[in-house]
Amino acid sequence: NRSDVPLRLLQSIIPPQLVTWHHNDKIIYYKDATASKEVSSAAPEDENGRRAHIVTDTDASDKTHSRLLITDATTADSGNYTCQASHTEPDSVYVFVSSGKEKKYRY
């Protein structure tokens, strides 16, 4: 059974210079707009190399969005996820992934 965990952050209409995502206080992604640099580390990953997918983009109304999708979540993906953009307060959520026949997540 496959369980995907989607997380989404809506940011201000002022495009942030820096966006970071953390999993249990470890940086798993950052995007530096001033340096045109985007780095995604080995975000929650298991022995099969499955990774989290993170996209930061700007919509037609110039609002910046950052989305994190954990595909085929495992119990190792449980924990605190925090997203922060420059000049904003961080936003956090705790994700719990249970194991068993039917994987489920809760936040």
C-alpha atoms as a PDB file:
ATOM      1  CA  ASN A   1       0.000   0.000   0.000  1.00  0.00           C
ATOM      2  CA  ARG A   2       1.239   3.434  -0.882  1.00  0.00           C
ATOM      3  CA  SER A   3       0.678   6.500   1.223  1.00  0.00           C
ATOM      4  CA  ASP A   4       1.696   9.984   0.105  1.00  0.00           C
ATOM      5  CA  VAL A   5       1.869  12.877   2.564  1.00  0.00           C
ATOM      6  CA  PRO A   6       1.312  16.342   1.049  1.00  0.00           C
ATOM      7  CA  LEU A   7       2.357  19.497   2.941  1.00  0.00           C
ATOM      8  CA  ARG A   8       1.842  23.008   1.556  1.00  0.00           C
ATOM      9  CA  LEU A   9       2.873  26.483   2.641  1.00  0.00           C
ATOM     10  CA  LEU A  10       1.317  29.649   1.213  1.00  0.00           C
ATOM     11  CA  GLN A  11       3.654  32.575   1.579  1.00  0.00           C
ATOM     12  CA  SER A  12       3.221  36.323   1.291  1.00  0.00           C
ATOM     13  CA  ILE A  13       2.865  38.200  -1.952  1.00  0.00           C
ATOM     14  CA  ILE A  14       6.422  39.473  -1.499  1.00  0.00           C
ATOM     15  CA  PRO A  15       8.632  36.753  -3.005  1.00  0.00           C
ATOM     16  CA  PRO A  16      10.986  35.503  -0.279  1.00  0.00           C
ATOM     17  CA  GLN A  17      14.724  35.514  -0.886  1.00  0.00           C
ATOM     18  CA  LEU A  18      15.200  32.239   0.967  1.00  0.00           C
ATOM     19  CA  VAL A  19      12.924  29.237   1.598  1.00  0.00           C
ATOM     20  CA  THR A  20      13.976  26.320   3.810  1.00  0.00           C
ATOM     21  CA  TRP A  21      12.332  23.034   4.807  1.00  0.00           C
ATOM     22  CA  HIS A  22      13.477  21.068   7.871  1.00  0.00           C
ATOM     23  CA  HIS A  23      12.703  17.539   9.031  1.00  0.00           C
ATOM     24  CA  ASN A  24      13.394  17.159  12.761  1.00  0.00           C
ATOM     25  CA  ASP A  25      15.695  20.225  12.697  1.00  0.00           C
ATOM     26  CA  LYS A  26      17.749  18.925   9.734  1.00  0.00           C
ATOM     27  CA  ILE A  27      17.663  21.085   6.604  1.00  0.00           C
ATOM     28  CA  ILE A  28      16.275  19.004   3.750  1.00  0.00           C
ATOM     29  CA  TYR A  29      15.756  21.815   1.219  1.00  0.00           C
ATOM     30  CA  TYR A  30      16.594  25.416   0.605  1.00  0.00           C
ATOM     31  CA  LYS A  31      16.051  27.808  -2.252  1.00  0.00           C
ATOM     32  CA  ASP A  32      18.037  31.033  -2.444  1.00  0.00           C
ATOM     33  CA  ALA A  33      16.399  33.342  -4.973  1.00  0.00           C
ATOM     34  CA  THR A  34      19.210  35.912  -4.820  1.00  0.00           C
ATOM     35  CA  ALA A  35      21.786  33.341  -5.906  1.00  0.00           C
ATOM     36  CA  SER A  36      19.409  31.383  -8.160  1.00  0.00           C
ATOM     37  CA  LYS A  37      20.360  28.347  -6.106  1.00  0.00           C
ATOM     38  CA  GLU A  38      18.079  25.467  -5.148  1.00  0.00           C
ATOM     39  CA  VAL A  39      19.327  22.529  -3.110  1.00  0.00           C
ATOM     40  CA  SER A  40      17.420  19.453  -1.996  1.00  0.00           C
ATOM     41  CA  SER A  41      19.397  17.147   0.240  1.00  0.00           C
ATOM     42  CA  ALA A  42      18.632  13.513   0.888  1.00  0.00           C
ATOM     43  CA  ALA A  43      15.230  14.397   2.210  1.00  0.00           C
ATOM     44  CA  PRO A  44      13.426  11.639   4.094  1.00  0.00           C
ATOM     45  CA  GLU A  45      14.847   8.634   2.297  1.00  0.00           C
ATOM     46  CA  ASP A  46      14.858   4.914   2.874  1.00  0.00           C
ATOM     47  CA  GLU A  47      17.134   2.113   1.704  1.00  0.00           C
ATOM     48  CA  ASN A  48      15.398   2.154  -1.696  1.00  0.00           C
ATOM     49  CA  GLY A  49      16.269   5.813  -2.279  1.00  0.00           C
ATOM     50  CA  ARG A  50      12.721   7.162  -2.216  1.00  0.00           C
ATOM     51  CA  ARG A  51      12.758  10.901  -1.568  1.00  0.00           C
ATOM     52  CA  ALA A  52      10.546  13.784  -0.719  1.00  0.00           C
ATOM     53  CA  HIS A  53       9.667  16.070  -3.623  1.00  0.00           C
ATOM     54  CA  ILE A  54       9.732  19.800  -2.905  1.00  0.00           C
ATOM     55  CA  VAL A  55       8.590  22.525  -5.277  1.00  0.00           C
ATOM     56  CA  THR A  56       8.735  26.265  -4.645  1.00  0.00           C
ATOM     57  CA  ASP A  57       7.098  28.438  -7.266  1.00  0.00           C
ATOM     58  CA  THR A  58       5.156  31.643  -7.867  1.00  0.00           C
ATOM     59  CA  ASP A  59       1.585  31.598  -9.156  1.00  0.00           C
ATOM     60  CA  ALA A  60      -0.153  34.005 -11.537  1.00  0.00           C
ATOM     61  CA  SER A  61      -1.040  36.355  -8.663  1.00  0.00           C
ATOM     62  CA  ASP A  62       2.659  36.550  -7.634  1.00  0.00           C
ATOM     63  CA  LYS A  63       2.118  34.559  -4.437  1.00  0.00           C
ATOM     64  CA  THR A  64       4.909  32.137  -3.626  1.00  0.00           C
ATOM     65  CA  HIS A  65       4.015  28.566  -2.674  1.00  0.00           C
ATOM     66  CA  SER A  66       6.252  25.811  -1.346  1.00  0.00           C
ATOM     67  CA  ARG A  67       4.994  22.233  -1.414  1.00  0.00           C
ATOM     68  CA  LEU A  68       6.507  19.094   0.064  1.00  0.00           C
ATOM     69  CA  LEU A  69       5.238  15.691  -1.045  1.00  0.00           C
ATOM     70  CA  ILE A  70       6.546  12.620   0.743  1.00  0.00           C
ATOM     71  CA  THR A  71       5.875   9.695  -1.575  1.00  0.00           C
ATOM     72  CA  ASP A  72       5.324   6.203  -0.233  1.00  0.00           C
ATOM     73  CA  ALA A  73       5.740   7.425   3.350  1.00  0.00           C
ATOM     74  CA  THR A  74       7.292   5.147   5.971  1.00  0.00           C
ATOM     75  CA  THR A  75       7.563   5.444   9.741  1.00  0.00           C
ATOM     76  CA  ALA A  76      11.014   7.028   9.194  1.00  0.00           C
ATOM     77  CA  ASP A  77       9.192   9.998   7.652  1.00  0.00           C
ATOM     78  CA  SER A  78       7.398  10.723  10.935  1.00  0.00           C
ATOM     79  CA  GLY A  79       8.513  13.847  12.731  1.00  0.00           C
ATOM     80  CA  ASN A  80       8.383  17.599  12.758  1.00  0.00           C
ATOM     81  CA  TYR A  81       8.398  19.427   9.413  1.00  0.00           C
ATOM     82  CA  THR A  82       9.081  23.157   9.349  1.00  0.00           C
ATOM     83  CA  CYS A  83       9.026  25.547   6.428  1.00  0.00           C
ATOM     84  CA  GLN A  84      10.376  29.067   6.687  1.00  0.00           C
ATOM     85  CA  ALA A  85      10.682  31.864   4.196  1.00  0.00           C
ATOM     86  CA  SER A  86      12.826  34.922   4.754  1.00  0.00           C
ATOM     87  CA  HIS A  87      11.062  37.696   6.679  1.00  0.00           C
ATOM     88  CA  THR A  88       8.331  35.338   7.931  1.00  0.00           C
ATOM     89  CA  GLU A  89       7.667  33.239  10.988  1.00  0.00           C
ATOM     90  CA  PRO A  90       8.303  29.511  10.506  1.00  0.00           C
ATOM     91  CA  ASP A  91       5.342  27.175  10.157  1.00  0.00           C
ATOM     92  CA  SER A  92       5.564  23.629  11.545  1.00  0.00           C
ATOM     93  CA  VAL A  93       3.523  20.455  11.534  1.00  0.00           C
ATOM     94  CA  TYR A  94       4.161  17.096  13.184  1.00  0.00           C
ATOM     95  CA  VAL A  95       3.538  14.130  10.885  1.00  0.00           C
ATOM     96  CA  PHE A  96       2.961  10.639  12.273  1.00  0.00           C
ATOM     97  CA  VAL A  97       3.120   7.719   9.838  1.00  0.00           C
ATOM     98  CA  SER A  98       1.905   4.387  11.190  1.00  0.00           C
ATOM     99  CA  SER A  99       2.965   1.019   9.861  1.00  0.00           C
ATOM    100  CA  GLY A 100       0.758  -1.936   9.104  1.00  0.00           C
ATOM    101  CA  LYS A 101      -1.372  -3.272   6.280  1.00  0.00           C
ATOM    102  CA  GLU A 102      -2.742   0.162   5.532  1.00  0.00           C
ATOM    103  CA  LYS A 103      -0.242   2.943   6.069  1.00  0.00           C
ATOM    104  CA  LYS A 104      -1.828   6.068   7.399  1.00  0.00           C
ATOM    105  CA  TYR A 105      -0.528   9.482   8.237  1.00  0.00           C
ATOM    106  CA  ARG A 106      -1.849  12.098  10.615  1.00  0.00           C
ATOM    107  CA  TYR A 107      -0.931  15.712  11.330  1.00  0.00           C
END
